[in-house]
């Protein structure tokens, strides 16, 4: 088994050998290290990107970009890591396809934590939630090599993970801790004496 340092360094150098800048190469090295440390297949996903070829991938460089097929997960992640602090980024985006979406997750997790925002990625087959508390929820705990026709909602508001009925039931239970108010309790309650001892 290779150390996390070896993984980060090898990925960084491999990325550089494919024409990426040192800065981007360092970022992808760190991202793959995080994935491997989390028990996710970061190296396999990165190798799939290399095999697919960076020339065949589309860089996301602008929120109004028209061409969003075969998005590069590295540049996708870096774009949102760098831009998601801006108010105009808090909206729902629609994209045609993203290769190896797993690679984007460490970038989005970092952005969520830094900017206190939430990312919700979804299509017909997949839902991913990323929160500022570094909790990531992935439906069925697997991510495909390609997601198509997906949306990503960026917001400073968390989504409810519970129903209105669950809230109402628990709220009603919480009311049972309140003591019924009477004149006697008003007079004997904390700070409600008839004389001022201050």
Protein backbone atom coordinates (compact mmCIF):
# COMPACT_ATOMS: atom_id res chain seq x y z
CA UNK A 1 0.00 0.00 0.00
CA UNK A 2 1.31 3.44 -0.92
CA UNK A 3 1.39 6.32 1.54
CA UNK A 4 -0.91 9.30 1.10
CA UNK A 5 2.17 11.44 0.46
CA UNK A 6 3.22 9.12 -2.38
CA UNK A 7 -0.28 9.26 -3.84
CA UNK A 8 -0.43 13.06 -3.71
CA UNK A 9 3.04 13.46 -5.24
CA UNK A 10 2.48 10.90 -8.01
CA UNK A 11 -0.88 12.39 -8.99
CA UNK A 12 0.57 15.91 -8.96
CA UNK A 13 3.45 14.92 -11.23
CA UNK A 14 1.20 12.85 -13.51
CA UNK A 15 -1.15 15.81 -13.91
CA UNK A 16 1.76 18.12 -14.73
CA UNK A 17 3.02 15.63 -17.33
CA UNK A 18 -0.39 15.91 -19.04
CA UNK A 19 -0.02 19.67 -19.52
CA UNK A 20 -1.80 21.00 -16.43
CA UNK A 21 -0.20 23.90 -14.56
CA UNK A 22 1.69 23.21 -11.35
CA UNK A 23 -1.02 25.00 -9.37
CA UNK A 24 -3.83 22.85 -10.81
CA UNK A 25 -1.64 19.76 -10.50
CA UNK A 26 -1.09 20.45 -6.81
CA UNK A 27 -4.83 20.87 -6.27
CA UNK A 28 -5.68 17.57 -7.94
CA UNK A 29 -2.93 15.83 -5.96
CA UNK A 30 -4.51 17.03 -2.71
CA UNK A 31 -8.01 16.11 -3.90
CA UNK A 32 -7.07 12.54 -4.79
CA UNK A 33 -5.23 12.19 -1.47
CA UNK A 34 -8.43 13.24 0.37
CA UNK A 35 -10.50 10.73 -1.61
CA UNK A 36 -8.08 7.86 -0.98
CA UNK A 37 -7.85 8.79 2.70
CA UNK A 38 -11.67 8.60 2.81
CA UNK A 39 -11.69 5.13 1.26
CA UNK A 40 -12.96 6.35 -2.12
CA UNK A 41 -11.48 5.42 -5.50
CA UNK A 42 -9.66 8.69 -6.20
CA UNK A 43 -6.70 7.14 -8.04
CA UNK A 44 -8.97 5.06 -10.29
CA UNK A 45 -11.08 8.12 -11.12
CA UNK A 46 -8.00 10.21 -11.85
CA UNK A 47 -6.57 7.48 -14.11
CA UNK A 48 -9.89 7.37 -15.99
CA UNK A 49 -9.55 11.11 -16.65
CA UNK A 50 -5.99 10.63 -17.94
CA UNK A 51 -7.19 7.80 -20.22
CA UNK A 52 -10.09 9.92 -21.46
CA UNK A 53 -7.70 12.78 -22.26
CA UNK A 54 -7.79 16.38 -21.06
CA UNK A 55 -8.12 17.54 -24.66
CA UNK A 56 -11.49 15.76 -24.81
CA UNK A 57 -12.78 17.51 -21.69
CA UNK A 58 -14.44 20.92 -21.38
CA UNK A 59 -13.20 23.44 -18.83
CA UNK A 60 -15.85 25.31 -16.85
CA UNK A 61 -14.71 28.94 -16.83
CA UNK A 62 -17.89 31.01 -16.61
CA UNK A 63 -21.32 30.66 -14.95
CA UNK A 64 -23.02 31.53 -18.25
CA UNK A 65 -20.98 29.06 -20.29
CA UNK A 66 -23.08 27.42 -23.02
CA UNK A 67 -20.99 24.28 -23.63
CA UNK A 68 -21.24 22.00 -20.60
CA UNK A 69 -20.76 18.55 -22.13
CA UNK A 70 -17.90 16.36 -20.91
CA UNK A 71 -16.91 18.80 -18.19
CA UNK A 72 -13.51 18.25 -16.61
CA UNK A 73 -14.09 17.42 -12.92
CA UNK A 74 -10.85 19.12 -11.88
CA UNK A 75 -11.67 22.47 -13.48
CA UNK A 76 -15.32 22.09 -12.43
CA UNK A 77 -14.26 21.68 -8.81
CA UNK A 78 -11.67 24.44 -8.91
CA UNK A 79 -14.16 26.83 -10.54
CA UNK A 80 -16.69 26.42 -7.71
CA UNK A 81 -13.96 26.42 -5.08
CA UNK A 82 -12.74 29.79 -6.39
CA UNK A 83 -16.08 31.41 -7.28
CA UNK A 84 -18.75 30.07 -4.91
CA UNK A 85 -18.25 32.84 -2.35
CA UNK A 86 -19.91 35.27 -4.79
CA UNK A 87 -23.63 36.04 -4.32
CA UNK A 88 -24.40 35.45 -8.00
CA UNK A 89 -23.21 31.87 -7.58
CA UNK A 90 -26.07 31.11 -5.20
CA UNK A 91 -28.47 29.66 -7.74
CA UNK A 92 -29.28 26.44 -9.56
CA UNK A 93 -27.03 25.47 -12.46
CA UNK A 94 -27.82 22.92 -15.18
CA UNK A 95 -25.05 20.98 -16.88
CA UNK A 96 -25.01 18.41 -19.68
CA UNK A 97 -22.36 16.01 -18.35
CA UNK A 98 -19.43 15.72 -15.96
CA UNK A 99 -16.74 13.08 -16.28
CA UNK A 100 -15.61 11.37 -13.04
CA UNK A 101 -17.67 13.55 -10.68
CA UNK A 102 -15.99 11.92 -7.66
CA UNK A 103 -12.89 14.04 -8.38
CA UNK A 104 -14.92 17.25 -7.93
CA UNK A 105 -16.12 16.42 -4.43
CA UNK A 106 -13.01 17.45 -2.40
CA UNK A 107 -13.08 20.87 -4.09
CA UNK A 108 -16.78 21.35 -3.33
CA UNK A 109 -16.33 20.17 0.26
CA UNK A 110 -13.54 22.71 0.74
CA UNK A 111 -15.69 25.48 -0.79
CA UNK A 112 -18.71 24.57 1.35
CA UNK A 113 -16.68 24.71 4.55
CA UNK A 114 -14.85 27.93 3.67
CA UNK A 115 -17.92 29.84 2.43
CA UNK A 116 -20.58 28.26 4.69
CA UNK A 117 -22.66 27.12 1.73
CA UNK A 118 -24.36 23.93 0.59
CA UNK A 119 -24.08 22.08 -2.70
CA UNK A 120 -26.90 19.81 -3.87
CA UNK A 121 -26.09 17.82 -7.00
CA UNK A 122 -28.90 15.79 -8.51
CA UNK A 123 -30.30 14.08 -11.56
CA UNK A 124 -32.68 11.15 -12.08
CA UNK A 125 -30.19 8.62 -10.71
CA UNK A 126 -28.03 10.45 -8.19
CA UNK A 127 -28.28 12.87 -5.28
CA UNK A 128 -25.24 14.32 -3.53
CA UNK A 129 -25.42 16.78 -0.62
CA UNK A 130 -22.34 18.64 0.57
CA UNK A 131 -22.53 20.75 3.72
CA UNK A 132 -20.20 23.19 5.52
CA UNK A 133 -19.76 20.64 8.30
CA UNK A 134 -17.91 18.32 5.89
CA UNK A 135 -20.80 15.86 5.86
CA UNK A 136 -21.34 14.44 2.40
CA UNK A 137 -24.37 12.33 1.54
CA UNK A 138 -24.32 10.21 -1.59
CA UNK A 139 -27.33 8.14 -2.63
CA UNK A 140 -26.45 4.44 -2.72
CA UNK A 141 -22.90 5.40 -1.69
CA UNK A 142 -21.58 5.17 -5.24
CA UNK A 143 -20.78 7.68 -7.92
CA UNK A 144 -20.87 6.77 -11.62
CA UNK A 145 -18.02 7.57 -14.01
CA UNK A 146 -20.29 10.03 -15.83
CA UNK A 147 -23.36 11.97 -14.77
CA UNK A 148 -25.55 13.50 -17.45
CA UNK A 149 -28.21 16.21 -17.46
CA UNK A 150 -27.67 17.12 -13.85
CA UNK A 151 -28.28 20.22 -11.78
CA UNK A 152 -26.34 21.75 -8.94
CA UNK A 153 -27.99 24.08 -6.45
CA UNK A 154 -25.67 26.40 -4.50
CA UNK A 155 -27.21 28.05 -1.45
CA UNK A 156 -26.36 29.39 2.01
CA UNK A 157 -29.51 27.61 3.28
CA UNK A 158 -29.57 23.98 4.34
CA UNK A 159 -32.37 21.74 3.14
CA UNK A 160 -34.70 20.04 5.60
CA UNK A 161 -33.98 16.34 5.89
CA UNK A 162 -37.23 15.79 7.79
CA UNK A 163 -40.96 16.06 7.14
CA UNK A 164 -43.30 18.71 8.54
CA UNK A 165 -45.08 15.94 10.46
CA UNK A 166 -41.83 14.82 12.14
CA UNK A 167 -41.18 18.40 13.23
CA UNK A 168 -44.73 18.91 14.51
CA UNK A 169 -44.68 15.62 16.48
CA UNK A 170 -41.37 16.47 18.13
CA UNK A 171 -42.44 20.05 18.81
CA UNK A 172 -45.60 18.85 20.54
CA UNK A 173 -43.49 16.53 22.71
CA UNK A 174 -41.22 19.43 23.60
CA UNK A 175 -44.22 21.42 24.85
CA UNK A 176 -44.74 18.81 27.57
CA UNK A 177 -41.66 20.18 29.34
CA UNK A 178 -43.38 23.52 29.91
CA UNK A 179 -45.01 24.05 33.30
CA UNK A 180 -48.56 25.35 33.26
CA UNK A 181 -48.66 28.99 34.29
CA UNK A 182 -50.58 29.97 37.47
CA UNK A 183 -50.58 33.09 39.68
CA UNK A 184 -48.78 31.15 42.42
CA UNK A 185 -46.04 30.01 40.03
CA UNK A 186 -45.66 33.56 38.70
CA UNK A 187 -45.00 34.81 42.24
CA UNK A 188 -42.63 32.00 43.21
CA UNK A 189 -40.79 31.75 39.92
CA UNK A 190 -37.16 32.77 39.41
CA UNK A 191 -36.69 36.51 39.81
CA UNK A 192 -40.35 37.09 40.64
CA UNK A 193 -40.29 37.79 44.39
CA UNK A 194 -42.42 40.45 46.10
CA UNK A 195 -39.37 42.15 47.62
CA UNK A 196 -36.23 43.45 45.94
CA UNK A 197 -33.13 41.99 47.60
CA UNK A 198 -30.62 43.80 45.35
